[in-house]
């Protein structure tokens, strides 16, 4: 029996590709999220040799009222 409730589980960190898919930016091309990470427009963490989007930080910033994400915000 289904209750009709759906939950979206958002990981605290995800790859650039996964972030692009979750946000719909994949339609703009795979380079968009990479560029946003390289320009420090999105918060990232380094895990080994992998750069992951820090979704937890992004959600905290949105919850505190951040509405613009500019190049260099997360340098």
PDB file of N, CA and C in Angstrom:
ATOM      1  N   UNK A   1       0.842  -1.170   0.000  1.00  0.00           N
ATOM      2  CA  UNK A   1       0.000   0.000   0.000  1.00  0.00           C
ATOM      3  C   UNK A   1       0.892   1.241   0.000  1.00  0.00           C
ATOM      4  N   UNK A   2       0.606   2.155  -0.884  1.00  0.00           N
ATOM      5  CA  UNK A   2       1.390   3.386  -1.010  1.00  0.00           C
ATOM      6  C   UNK A   2       0.706   4.513  -0.258  1.00  0.00           C
ATOM      7  N   UNK A   3       1.501   5.293   0.470  1.00  0.00           N
ATOM      8  CA  UNK A   3       0.956   6.425   1.211  1.00  0.00           C
ATOM      9  C   UNK A   3       0.958   7.696   0.384  1.00  0.00           C
ATOM     10  N   UNK A   4       1.625   7.665  -0.764  1.00  0.00           N
ATOM     11  CA  UNK A   4       1.678   8.850  -1.608  1.00  0.00           C
ATOM     12  C   UNK A   4       2.786   9.816  -1.235  1.00  0.00           C
ATOM     13  N   UNK A   5       3.516   9.525  -0.179  1.00  0.00           N
ATOM     14  CA  UNK A   5       4.616  10.396   0.220  1.00  0.00           C
ATOM     15  C   UNK A   5       5.882   9.996  -0.532  1.00  0.00           C
ATOM     16  N   UNK A   6       6.570  10.975  -1.061  1.00  0.00           N
ATOM     17  CA  UNK A   6       7.834  10.713  -1.756  1.00  0.00           C
ATOM     18  C   UNK A   6       8.914  11.560  -1.092  1.00  0.00           C
ATOM     19  N   UNK A   7      10.053  10.960  -0.908  1.00  0.00           N
ATOM     20  CA  UNK A   7      11.162  11.664  -0.290  1.00  0.00           C
ATOM     21  C   UNK A   7      12.338  11.672  -1.241  1.00  0.00           C
ATOM     22  N   UNK A   8      13.007  12.784  -1.295  1.00  0.00           N
ATOM     23  CA  UNK A   8      14.222  12.899  -2.084  1.00  0.00           C
ATOM     24  C   UNK A   8      15.384  12.929  -1.107  1.00  0.00           C
ATOM     25  N   UNK A   9      16.243  11.957  -1.210  1.00  0.00           N
ATOM     26  CA  UNK A   9      17.414  11.894  -0.351  1.00  0.00           C
ATOM     27  C   UNK A   9      18.554  12.588  -1.082  1.00  0.00           C
ATOM     28  N   UNK A  10      19.060  13.639  -0.466  1.00  0.00           N
ATOM     29  CA  UNK A  10      20.137  14.420  -1.079  1.00  0.00           C
ATOM     30  C   UNK A  10      21.417  14.137  -0.311  1.00  0.00           C
ATOM     31  N   UNK A  11      22.437  13.683  -1.009  1.00  0.00           N
ATOM     32  CA  UNK A  11      23.700  13.378  -0.330  1.00  0.00           C
ATOM     33  C   UNK A  11      24.417  14.666   0.084  1.00  0.00           C
ATOM     34  N   UNK A  12      25.232  14.616   1.147  1.00  0.00           N
ATOM     35  CA  UNK A  12      25.962  15.823   1.569  1.00  0.00           C
ATOM     36  C   UNK A  12      27.039  16.237   0.566  1.00  0.00           C
ATOM     37  N   UNK A  13      27.565  15.287  -0.181  1.00  0.00           N
ATOM     38  CA  UNK A  13      28.567  15.555  -1.210  1.00  0.00           C
ATOM     39  C   UNK A  13      28.201  14.721  -2.425  1.00  0.00           C
ATOM     40  N   UNK A  14      28.454  15.250  -3.605  1.00  0.00           N
ATOM     41  CA  UNK A  14      28.232  14.450  -4.809  1.00  0.00           C
ATOM     42  C   UNK A  14      29.189  14.879  -5.907  1.00  0.00           C
ATOM     43  N   UNK A  15      29.354  14.009  -6.872  1.00  0.00           N
ATOM     44  CA  UNK A  15      30.233  14.337  -7.992  1.00  0.00           C
ATOM     45  C   UNK A  15      29.617  15.467  -8.793  1.00  0.00           C
ATOM     46  N   UNK A  16      30.442  16.100  -9.599  1.00  0.00           N
ATOM     47  CA  UNK A  16      29.939  17.177 -10.455  1.00  0.00           C
ATOM     48  C   UNK A  16      28.866  16.646 -11.395  1.00  0.00           C
ATOM     49  N   UNK A  17      29.068  15.438 -11.909  1.00  0.00           N
ATOM     50  CA  UNK A  17      28.103  14.846 -12.829  1.00  0.00           C
ATOM     51  C   UNK A  17      26.767  14.585 -12.140  1.00  0.00           C
ATOM     52  N   UNK A  18      26.827  14.057 -10.921  1.00  0.00           N
ATOM     53  CA  UNK A  18      25.600  13.790 -10.168  1.00  0.00           C
ATOM     54  C   UNK A  18      24.890  15.094  -9.822  1.00  0.00           C
ATOM     55  N   UNK A  19      25.643  16.123  -9.443  1.00  0.00           N
ATOM     56  CA  UNK A  19      25.044  17.426  -9.137  1.00  0.00           C
ATOM     57  C   UNK A  19      24.349  17.988 -10.372  1.00  0.00           C
ATOM     58  N   UNK A  20      24.985  17.866 -11.526  1.00  0.00           N
ATOM     59  CA  UNK A  20      24.384  18.348 -12.772  1.00  0.00           C
ATOM     60  C   UNK A  20      23.078  17.616 -13.052  1.00  0.00           C
ATOM     61  N   UNK A  21      23.068  16.318 -12.811  1.00  0.00           N
ATOM     62  CA  UNK A  21      21.857  15.533 -13.043  1.00  0.00           C
ATOM     63  C   UNK A  21      20.753  15.915 -12.062  1.00  0.00           C
ATOM     64  N   UNK A  22      21.098  16.057 -10.769  1.00  0.00           N
ATOM     65  CA  UNK A  22      20.111  16.388  -9.745  1.00  0.00           C
ATOM     66  C   UNK A  22      19.494  17.766  -9.947  1.00  0.00           C
ATOM     67  N   UNK A  23      20.262  18.709 -10.459  1.00  0.00           N
ATOM     68  CA  UNK A  23      19.791  20.084 -10.605  1.00  0.00           C
ATOM     69  C   UNK A  23      19.244  20.408 -11.989  1.00  0.00           C
ATOM     70  N   UNK A  24      19.401  19.490 -12.932  1.00  0.00           N
ATOM     71  CA  UNK A  24      18.940  19.761 -14.285  1.00  0.00           C
ATOM     72  C   UNK A  24      19.958  20.495 -15.139  1.00  0.00           C
ATOM     73  N   UNK A  25      21.122  20.800 -14.575  1.00  0.00           N
ATOM     74  CA  UNK A  25      22.157  21.486 -15.345  1.00  0.00           C
ATOM     75  C   UNK A  25      22.791  20.589 -16.393  1.00  0.00           C
ATOM     76  N   UNK A  26      22.516  19.305 -16.327  1.00  0.00           N
ATOM     77  CA  UNK A  26      23.055  18.363 -17.308  1.00  0.00           C
ATOM     78  C   UNK A  26      22.591  18.745 -18.712  1.00  0.00           C
ATOM     79  N   UNK A  27      21.412  19.369 -18.811  1.00  0.00           N
ATOM     80  CA  UNK A  27      20.890  19.792 -20.106  1.00  0.00           C
ATOM     81  C   UNK A  27      21.734  20.898 -20.733  1.00  0.00           C
ATOM     82  N   UNK A  28      22.439  21.657 -19.907  1.00  0.00           N
ATOM     83  CA  UNK A  28      23.299  22.731 -20.406  1.00  0.00           C
ATOM     84  C   UNK A  28      24.659  22.203 -20.858  1.00  0.00           C
ATOM     85  N   UNK A  29      24.972  20.972 -20.496  1.00  0.00           N
ATOM     86  CA  UNK A  29      26.250  20.367 -20.865  1.00  0.00           C
ATOM     87  C   UNK A  29      27.095  20.079 -19.649  1.00  0.00           C
ATOM     88  N   UNK A  30      27.950  19.072 -19.744  1.00  0.00           N
ATOM     89  CA  UNK A  30      28.742  18.645 -18.585  1.00  0.00           C
ATOM     90  C   UNK A  30      29.789  19.666 -18.140  1.00  0.00           C
ATOM     91  N   UNK A  31      30.137  20.592 -18.997  1.00  0.00           N
ATOM     92  CA  UNK A  31      31.167  21.573 -18.651  1.00  0.00           C
ATOM     93  C   UNK A  31      30.658  22.668 -17.728  1.00  0.00           C
ATOM     94  N   UNK A  32      29.349  22.855 -17.654  1.00  0.00           N
ATOM     95  CA  UNK A  32      28.789  23.955 -16.862  1.00  0.00           C
ATOM     96  C   UNK A  32      29.136  23.811 -15.382  1.00  0.00           C
ATOM     97  N   UNK A  33      28.857  22.649 -14.810  1.00  0.00           N
ATOM     98  CA  UNK A  33      29.127  22.444 -13.380  1.00  0.00           C
ATOM     99  C   UNK A  33      30.638  22.433 -13.128  1.00  0.00           C
ATOM    100  N   UNK A  34      31.401  21.854 -14.030  1.00  0.00           N
ATOM    101  CA  UNK A  34      32.858  21.868 -13.884  1.00  0.00           C
ATOM    102  C   UNK A  34      33.370  23.305 -13.829  1.00  0.00           C
ATOM    103  N   UNK A  35      32.876  24.153 -14.706  1.00  0.00           N
ATOM    104  CA  UNK A  35      33.276  25.555 -14.706  1.00  0.00           C
ATOM    105  C   UNK A  35      32.861  26.268 -13.426  1.00  0.00           C
ATOM    106  N   UNK A  36      31.656  25.976 -12.936  1.00  0.00           N
ATOM    107  CA  UNK A  36      31.189  26.598 -11.692  1.00  0.00           C
ATOM    108  C   UNK A  36      32.066  26.182 -10.514  1.00  0.00           C
ATOM    109  N   UNK A  37      32.519  24.934 -10.515  1.00  0.00           N
ATOM    110  CA  UNK A  37      33.403  24.464  -9.451  1.00  0.00           C
ATOM    111  C   UNK A  37      34.785  25.106  -9.588  1.00  0.00           C
ATOM    112  N   UNK A  38      35.310  25.143 -10.795  1.00  0.00           N
ATOM    113  CA  UNK A  38      36.638  25.710 -11.020  1.00  0.00           C
ATOM    114  C   UNK A  38      36.693  27.204 -10.713  1.00  0.00           C
ATOM    115  N   UNK A  39      35.567  27.902 -10.876  1.00  0.00           N
ATOM    116  CA  UNK A  39      35.512  29.337 -10.593  1.00  0.00           C
ATOM    117  C   UNK A  39      35.067  29.633  -9.163  1.00  0.00           C
ATOM    118  N   UNK A  40      34.941  28.595  -8.346  1.00  0.00           N
ATOM    119  CA  UNK A  40      34.509  28.709  -6.940  1.00  0.00           C
ATOM    120  C   UNK A  40      33.125  29.326  -6.796  1.00  0.00           C
ATOM    121  N   UNK A  41      32.259  29.068  -7.768  1.00  0.00           N
ATOM    122  CA  UNK A  41      30.870  29.505  -7.684  1.00  0.00           C
ATOM    123  C   UNK A  41      30.062  28.534  -6.837  1.00  0.00           C
ATOM    124  N   UNK A  42      30.485  27.279  -6.803  1.00  0.00           N
ATOM    125  CA  UNK A  42      29.864  26.252  -5.970  1.00  0.00           C
ATOM    126  C   UNK A  42      30.860  25.806  -4.905  1.00  0.00           C
ATOM    127  N   UNK A  43      30.363  25.462  -3.705  1.00  0.00           N
ATOM    128  CA  UNK A  43      31.275  24.942  -2.675  1.00  0.00           C
ATOM    129  C   UNK A  43      31.719  23.523  -3.026  1.00  0.00           C
ATOM    130  N   UNK A  44      32.989  23.252  -2.867  1.00  0.00           N
ATOM    131  CA  UNK A  44      33.517  21.921  -3.179  1.00  0.00           C
ATOM    132  C   UNK A  44      34.422  21.431  -2.058  1.00  0.00           C
ATOM    133  N   UNK A  45      34.640  20.141  -2.043  1.00  0.00           N
ATOM    134  CA  UNK A  45      35.615  19.511  -1.154  1.00  0.00           C
ATOM    135  C   UNK A  45      36.469  18.592  -2.004  1.00  0.00           C
ATOM    136  N   UNK A  46      37.702  18.443  -1.600  1.00  0.00           N
ATOM    137  CA  UNK A  46      38.625  17.553  -2.291  1.00  0.00           C
ATOM    138  C   UNK A  46      38.691  16.239  -1.505  1.00  0.00           C
ATOM    139  N   UNK A  47      38.396  15.131  -2.159  1.00  0.00           N
ATOM    140  CA  UNK A  47      38.497  13.811  -1.548  1.00  0.00           C
ATOM    141  C   UNK A  47      39.460  13.012  -2.417  1.00  0.00           C
ATOM    142  N   UNK A  48      40.672  12.862  -1.925  1.00  0.00           N
ATOM    143  CA  UNK A  48      41.706  12.241  -2.748  1.00  0.00           C
ATOM    144  C   UNK A  48      41.975  13.126  -3.946  1.00  0.00           C
ATOM    145  N   UNK A  49      41.829  12.550  -5.124  1.00  0.00           N
ATOM    146  CA  UNK A  49      42.025  13.365  -6.318  1.00  0.00           C
ATOM    147  C   UNK A  49      40.700  13.775  -6.956  1.00  0.00           C
ATOM    148  N   UNK A  50      39.603  13.587  -6.214  1.00  0.00           N
ATOM    149  CA  UNK A  50      38.273  13.916  -6.723  1.00  0.00           C
ATOM    150  C   UNK A  50      37.749  15.194  -6.080  1.00  0.00           C
ATOM    151  N   UNK A  51      37.174  16.047  -6.888  1.00  0.00           N
ATOM    152  CA  UNK A  51      36.532  17.261  -6.397  1.00  0.00           C
ATOM    153  C   UNK A  51      35.029  17.003  -6.367  1.00  0.00           C
ATOM    154  N   UNK A  52      34.426  17.119  -5.176  1.00  0.00           N
ATOM    155  CA  UNK A  52      32.998  16.878  -5.013  1.00  0.00           C
ATOM    156  C   UNK A  52      32.288  18.179  -4.665  1.00  0.00           C
ATOM    157  N   UNK A  53      31.051  18.302  -5.109  1.00  0.00           N
ATOM    158  CA  UNK A  53      30.238  19.466  -4.750  1.00  0.00           C
ATOM    159  C   UNK A  53      29.759  19.273  -3.310  1.00  0.00           C
ATOM    160  N   UNK A  54      29.943  20.299  -2.487  1.00  0.00           N
ATOM    161  CA  UNK A  54      29.528  20.258  -1.091  1.00  0.00           C
ATOM    162  C   UNK A  54      28.062  20.693  -1.011  1.00  0.00           C
ATOM    163  N   UNK A  55      27.171  19.739  -1.221  1.00  0.00           N
ATOM    164  CA  UNK A  55      25.739  20.012  -1.243  1.00  0.00           C
ATOM    165  C   UNK A  55      25.260  20.477   0.134  1.00  0.00           C
ATOM    166  N   UNK A  56      25.831  19.920   1.189  1.00  0.00           N
ATOM    167  CA  UNK A  56      25.468  20.315   2.551  1.00  0.00           C
ATOM    168  C   UNK A  56      25.692  21.821   2.755  1.00  0.00           C
ATOM    169  N   UNK A  57      26.852  22.320   2.367  1.00  0.00           N
ATOM    170  CA  UNK A  57      27.157  23.752   2.498  1.00  0.00           C
ATOM    171  C   UNK A  57      26.214  24.589   1.635  1.00  0.00           C
ATOM    172  N   UNK A  58      25.960  24.124   0.435  1.00  0.00           N
ATOM    173  CA  UNK A  58      25.070  24.827  -0.480  1.00  0.00           C
ATOM    174  C   UNK A  58      23.670  24.955   0.120  1.00  0.00           C
ATOM    175  N   UNK A  59      23.148  23.871   0.687  1.00  0.00           N
ATOM    176  CA  UNK A  59      21.820  23.899   1.301  1.00  0.00           C
ATOM    177  C   UNK A  59      21.791  24.801   2.538  1.00  0.00           C
ATOM    178  N   UNK A  60      22.859  24.793   3.322  1.00  0.00           N
ATOM    179  CA  UNK A  60      22.937  25.695   4.481  1.00  0.00           C
ATOM    180  C   UNK A  60      22.900  27.153   4.035  1.00  0.00           C
ATOM    181  N   UNK A  61      23.643  27.464   2.986  1.00  0.00           N
ATOM    182  CA  UNK A  61      23.680  28.840   2.479  1.00  0.00           C
ATOM    183  C   UNK A  61      22.318  29.259   1.940  1.00  0.00           C
ATOM    184  N   UNK A  62      21.644  28.365   1.231  1.00  0.00           N
ATOM    185  CA  UNK A  62      20.302  28.671   0.735  1.00  0.00           C
ATOM    186  C   UNK A  62      19.330  28.889   1.892  1.00  0.00           C
ATOM    187  N   UNK A  63      19.430  28.059   2.925  1.00  0.00           N
ATOM    188  CA  UNK A  63      18.548  28.186   4.091  1.00  0.00           C
ATOM    189  C   UNK A  63      18.778  29.492   4.844  1.00  0.00           C
ATOM    190  N   UNK A  64      20.012  30.000   4.783  1.00  0.00           N
ATOM    191  CA  UNK A  64      20.306  31.257   5.481  1.00  0.00           C
ATOM    192  C   UNK A  64      20.016  32.481   4.612  1.00  0.00           C
ATOM    193  N   UNK A  65      19.477  32.266   3.417  1.00  0.00           N
ATOM    194  CA  UNK A  65      19.035  33.395   2.599  1.00  0.00           C
ATOM    195  C   UNK A  65      19.895  33.730   1.393  1.00  0.00           C
ATOM    196  N   UNK A  66      20.934  32.970   1.133  1.00  0.00           N
ATOM    197  CA  UNK A  66      21.791  33.256  -0.022  1.00  0.00           C
ATOM    198  C   UNK A  66      20.978  33.038  -1.297  1.00  0.00           C
ATOM    199  N   UNK A  67      20.989  34.017  -2.187  1.00  0.00           N
ATOM    200  CA  UNK A  67      20.218  33.917  -3.421  1.00  0.00           C
ATOM    201  C   UNK A  67      21.083  34.055  -4.668  1.00  0.00           C
ATOM    202  N   UNK A  68      22.293  34.550  -4.523  1.00  0.00           N
ATOM    203  CA  UNK A  68      23.202  34.693  -5.655  1.00  0.00           C
ATOM    204  C   UNK A  68      24.452  33.886  -5.417  1.00  0.00           C
ATOM    205  N   UNK A  69      24.921  33.250  -6.455  1.00  0.00           N
ATOM    206  CA  UNK A  69      26.144  32.470  -6.387  1.00  0.00           C
ATOM    207  C   UNK A  69      27.063  33.001  -7.478  1.00  0.00           C
ATOM    208  N   UNK A  70      28.095  33.691  -7.035  1.00  0.00           N
ATOM    209  CA  UNK A  70      28.994  34.370  -7.964  1.00  0.00           C
ATOM    210  C   UNK A  70      30.369  33.727  -7.968  1.00  0.00           C
ATOM    211  N   UNK A  71      31.086  33.945  -9.035  1.00  0.00           N
ATOM    212  CA  UNK A  71      32.458  33.441  -9.151  1.00  0.00           C
ATOM    213  C   UNK A  71      33.273  33.933  -7.962  1.00  0.00           C
ATOM    214  N   UNK A  72      33.968  33.016  -7.297  1.00  0.00           N
ATOM    215  CA  UNK A  72      34.811  33.374  -6.161  1.00  0.00           C
ATOM    216  C   UNK A  72      34.138  33.311  -4.815  1.00  0.00           C
ATOM    217  N   UNK A  73      32.847  33.035  -4.763  1.00  0.00           N
ATOM    218  CA  UNK A  73      32.136  32.966  -3.476  1.00  0.00           C
ATOM    219  C   UNK A  73      32.737  31.924  -2.531  1.00  0.00           C
ATOM    220  N   UNK A  74      33.283  30.869  -3.068  1.00  0.00           N
ATOM    221  CA  UNK A  74      33.787  29.776  -2.229  1.00  0.00           C
ATOM    222  C   UNK A  74      35.281  29.582  -2.406  1.00  0.00           C
ATOM    223  N   UNK A  75      36.024  30.687  -2.547  1.00  0.00           N
ATOM    224  CA  UNK A  75      37.482  30.567  -2.681  1.00  0.00           C
ATOM    225  C   UNK A  75      38.114  30.426  -1.315  1.00  0.00           C
TER     226      UNK A  75
END
